[in-house]
């Protein structure tokens, strides 16, 4: 299923990535504070270009295991990325994710973009349940999940070695029946 692009919110456009997005995306993906809670380290320009090439092909969900990766655009500038991964066809499960340029933190953009993706996940894609995960130390991320109305279902303690140390994990979730499409 391919959404109708661009997806418009009150202030943002969500659309597939393009090679021309390299400068905007690298501006934040190269930052240590952005990579802190990601599996990636800060990216080189070449690594960012390779990711962008991959993301540009992720513009629809047609089978389990795929991700829909979208550029979040404000006034012509890519300020972040948001994605939905199709985890299970049988159980109609998905996972929400987002990463934003710190220069645009604190203004509700992540919540606005994530809300639009939840609308797609439950509406267009017909998912039953969507999860989101983060490191408990990443309070801004789990605050977004809570603003979306997601509930914290788990706190896995020392569940994996993450960047050389044992790391905890919060898991949030929402059911389709709980979703309110607000803007």
Protein backbone atom coordinates (compact mmCIF):
# COMPACT_ATOMS: atom_id res chain seq x y z
CA UNK A 1 0.00 0.00 0.00
CA UNK A 2 1.35 3.35 -1.00
CA UNK A 3 0.00 6.48 0.71
CA UNK A 4 -0.97 9.54 -1.30
CA UNK A 5 2.01 11.89 -1.06
CA UNK A 6 2.71 14.33 0.34
CA UNK A 7 0.99 13.65 3.65
CA UNK A 8 0.05 17.03 5.09
CA UNK A 9 -0.33 17.93 8.75
CA UNK A 10 -1.03 21.36 10.21
CA UNK A 11 2.62 22.45 9.76
CA UNK A 12 4.48 19.62 8.07
CA UNK A 13 4.75 17.57 4.91
CA UNK A 14 5.71 13.89 5.07
CA UNK A 15 7.04 12.44 1.84
CA UNK A 16 9.51 9.88 0.51
CA UNK A 17 13.19 10.78 0.76
CA UNK A 18 15.07 12.19 -2.26
CA UNK A 19 18.84 12.33 -2.92
CA UNK A 20 18.60 16.14 -2.69
CA UNK A 21 17.77 15.72 1.04
CA UNK A 22 21.39 14.80 1.79
CA UNK A 23 22.47 18.15 3.25
CA UNK A 24 19.46 18.46 5.56
CA UNK A 25 19.62 14.85 6.77
CA UNK A 26 23.38 14.83 7.26
CA UNK A 27 23.11 18.05 9.30
CA UNK A 28 21.50 16.07 12.12
CA UNK A 29 22.58 12.45 11.47
CA UNK A 30 26.23 13.51 11.91
CA UNK A 31 25.58 14.81 15.44
CA UNK A 32 26.67 12.69 18.44
CA UNK A 33 23.60 13.80 20.42
CA UNK A 34 21.33 12.41 17.68
CA UNK A 35 23.21 9.10 17.49
CA UNK A 36 23.28 8.71 21.27
CA UNK A 37 20.10 6.59 21.41
CA UNK A 38 20.32 5.09 17.92
CA UNK A 39 22.08 1.90 16.88
CA UNK A 40 24.09 4.01 14.42
CA UNK A 41 27.07 6.10 15.37
CA UNK A 42 27.23 9.64 13.96
CA UNK A 43 27.18 9.20 10.19
CA UNK A 44 29.73 10.37 7.66
CA UNK A 45 28.36 12.15 4.60
CA UNK A 46 28.89 8.95 2.59
CA UNK A 47 27.01 6.84 5.16
CA UNK A 48 24.17 9.36 5.19
CA UNK A 49 24.00 9.22 1.37
CA UNK A 50 23.82 5.40 1.50
CA UNK A 51 21.03 5.49 4.09
CA UNK A 52 19.18 8.09 2.03
CA UNK A 53 19.45 5.89 -1.05
CA UNK A 54 17.94 2.99 0.90
CA UNK A 55 15.21 5.12 2.49
CA UNK A 56 14.19 6.53 -0.90
CA UNK A 57 12.99 3.02 -1.87
CA UNK A 58 10.92 2.64 1.32
CA UNK A 59 7.80 4.50 0.20
CA UNK A 60 5.16 1.80 0.53
CA UNK A 61 4.23 -1.22 2.64
CA UNK A 62 3.45 -4.32 0.64
CA UNK A 63 4.75 -7.11 2.86
CA UNK A 64 5.61 -7.97 6.41
CA UNK A 65 9.07 -6.77 7.48
CA UNK A 66 9.04 -3.64 5.31
CA UNK A 67 9.35 -0.12 6.64
CA UNK A 68 7.78 3.05 5.32
CA UNK A 69 10.42 5.76 5.83
CA UNK A 70 9.38 9.36 5.32
CA UNK A 71 11.13 12.71 5.35
CA UNK A 72 9.49 15.24 7.66
CA UNK A 73 9.61 18.61 5.91
CA UNK A 74 9.04 22.09 7.32
CA UNK A 75 9.14 24.98 4.88
CA UNK A 76 11.21 23.03 2.36
CA UNK A 77 13.75 21.75 4.92
CA UNK A 78 13.94 18.12 6.07
CA UNK A 79 13.86 18.40 9.86
CA UNK A 80 13.53 14.71 10.67
CA UNK A 81 12.38 11.29 9.68
CA UNK A 82 9.47 9.12 10.72
CA UNK A 83 8.80 5.50 9.91
CA UNK A 84 6.36 2.65 10.38
CA UNK A 85 7.57 -0.93 10.17
CA UNK A 86 5.13 -3.75 9.40
CA UNK A 87 6.01 -6.35 12.03
CA UNK A 88 3.29 -8.99 11.47
CA UNK A 89 0.66 -9.51 8.79
CA UNK A 90 -1.12 -12.23 10.79
CA UNK A 91 -1.33 -10.16 13.98
CA UNK A 92 -1.59 -6.77 12.21
CA UNK A 93 1.30 -5.32 14.23
CA UNK A 94 3.57 -2.39 13.45
CA UNK A 95 6.28 -0.26 14.99
CA UNK A 96 6.60 3.52 14.97
CA UNK A 97 9.93 5.38 14.95
CA UNK A 98 11.20 8.93 14.54
CA UNK A 99 14.43 10.94 14.60
CA UNK A 100 14.61 14.75 14.48
CA UNK A 101 17.17 17.48 14.10
CA UNK A 102 17.76 18.92 17.61
CA UNK A 103 17.43 22.44 16.18
CA UNK A 104 13.70 21.66 15.83
CA UNK A 105 13.12 19.93 19.19
CA UNK A 106 10.58 21.20 21.68
CA UNK A 107 8.02 22.53 19.20
CA UNK A 108 5.76 19.50 18.79
CA UNK A 109 7.01 18.48 15.34
CA UNK A 110 7.83 14.88 16.35
CA UNK A 111 4.39 14.46 17.93
CA UNK A 112 2.69 15.93 14.86
CA UNK A 113 4.58 13.69 12.42
CA UNK A 114 4.18 10.57 14.58
CA UNK A 115 0.44 11.24 14.93
CA UNK A 116 0.15 11.34 11.13
CA UNK A 117 1.96 8.00 10.86
CA UNK A 118 -0.27 6.43 13.50
CA UNK A 119 -3.24 7.59 11.41
CA UNK A 120 -1.75 5.80 8.39
CA UNK A 121 -0.90 2.69 10.40
CA UNK A 122 -4.38 2.27 11.82
CA UNK A 123 -6.34 3.72 8.91
CA UNK A 124 -4.76 3.03 5.54
CA UNK A 125 -2.72 -0.02 6.61
CA UNK A 126 -5.35 -1.51 8.94
CA UNK A 127 -2.95 -2.38 11.73
CA UNK A 128 -4.39 -3.53 15.05
CA UNK A 129 -1.47 -2.63 17.33
CA UNK A 130 1.52 -0.29 16.99
CA UNK A 131 4.49 -0.24 19.34
CA UNK A 132 7.31 2.26 19.84
CA UNK A 133 10.52 1.70 21.77
CA UNK A 134 13.21 3.88 23.30
CA UNK A 135 15.96 4.05 25.85
CA UNK A 136 14.43 5.24 29.16
CA UNK A 137 17.10 7.97 29.34
CA UNK A 138 15.63 9.46 26.16
CA UNK A 139 12.84 11.29 27.97
CA UNK A 140 11.83 13.51 25.02
CA UNK A 141 11.14 10.38 22.95
CA UNK A 142 8.94 8.64 25.52
CA UNK A 143 7.17 11.94 26.24
CA UNK A 144 6.17 12.02 22.55
CA UNK A 145 4.77 8.49 22.90
CA UNK A 146 2.76 9.56 25.94
CA UNK A 147 1.44 12.68 24.18
CA UNK A 148 0.24 10.40 21.39
CA UNK A 149 -1.78 8.43 23.94
CA UNK A 150 0.45 5.36 23.82
CA UNK A 151 0.78 3.38 27.03
CA UNK A 152 4.02 2.12 28.54
CA UNK A 153 3.72 -1.66 28.51
CA UNK A 154 7.21 -2.69 29.49
CA UNK A 155 10.47 -1.58 31.02
CA UNK A 156 13.03 -4.20 30.07
CA UNK A 157 16.02 -3.86 32.37
CA UNK A 158 19.46 -4.46 30.93
CA UNK A 159 17.88 -6.20 27.95
CA UNK A 160 20.76 -5.75 25.52
CA UNK A 161 24.30 -4.50 25.26
CA UNK A 162 23.95 -1.10 23.63
CA UNK A 163 27.07 0.84 22.64
CA UNK A 164 29.23 -1.12 25.05
CA UNK A 165 26.97 -1.15 28.12
CA UNK A 166 23.84 -2.87 29.34
CA UNK A 167 20.84 -0.87 28.27
CA UNK A 168 17.23 -0.67 29.37
CA UNK A 169 14.28 -0.38 27.00
CA UNK A 170 10.82 1.16 27.30
CA UNK A 171 8.09 -0.31 25.09
CA UNK A 172 4.94 1.72 24.43
CA UNK A 173 1.89 0.57 22.48
CA UNK A 174 -1.49 1.63 21.18
CA UNK A 175 -4.39 -0.37 19.79
CA UNK A 176 -6.44 0.76 16.81
CA UNK A 177 -9.49 1.04 19.10
CA UNK A 178 -7.57 3.51 21.31
CA UNK A 179 -6.37 5.73 18.47
CA UNK A 180 -7.75 9.26 18.16
CA UNK A 181 -6.68 11.07 15.00
CA UNK A 182 -6.11 14.57 16.39
CA UNK A 183 -4.28 17.50 14.89
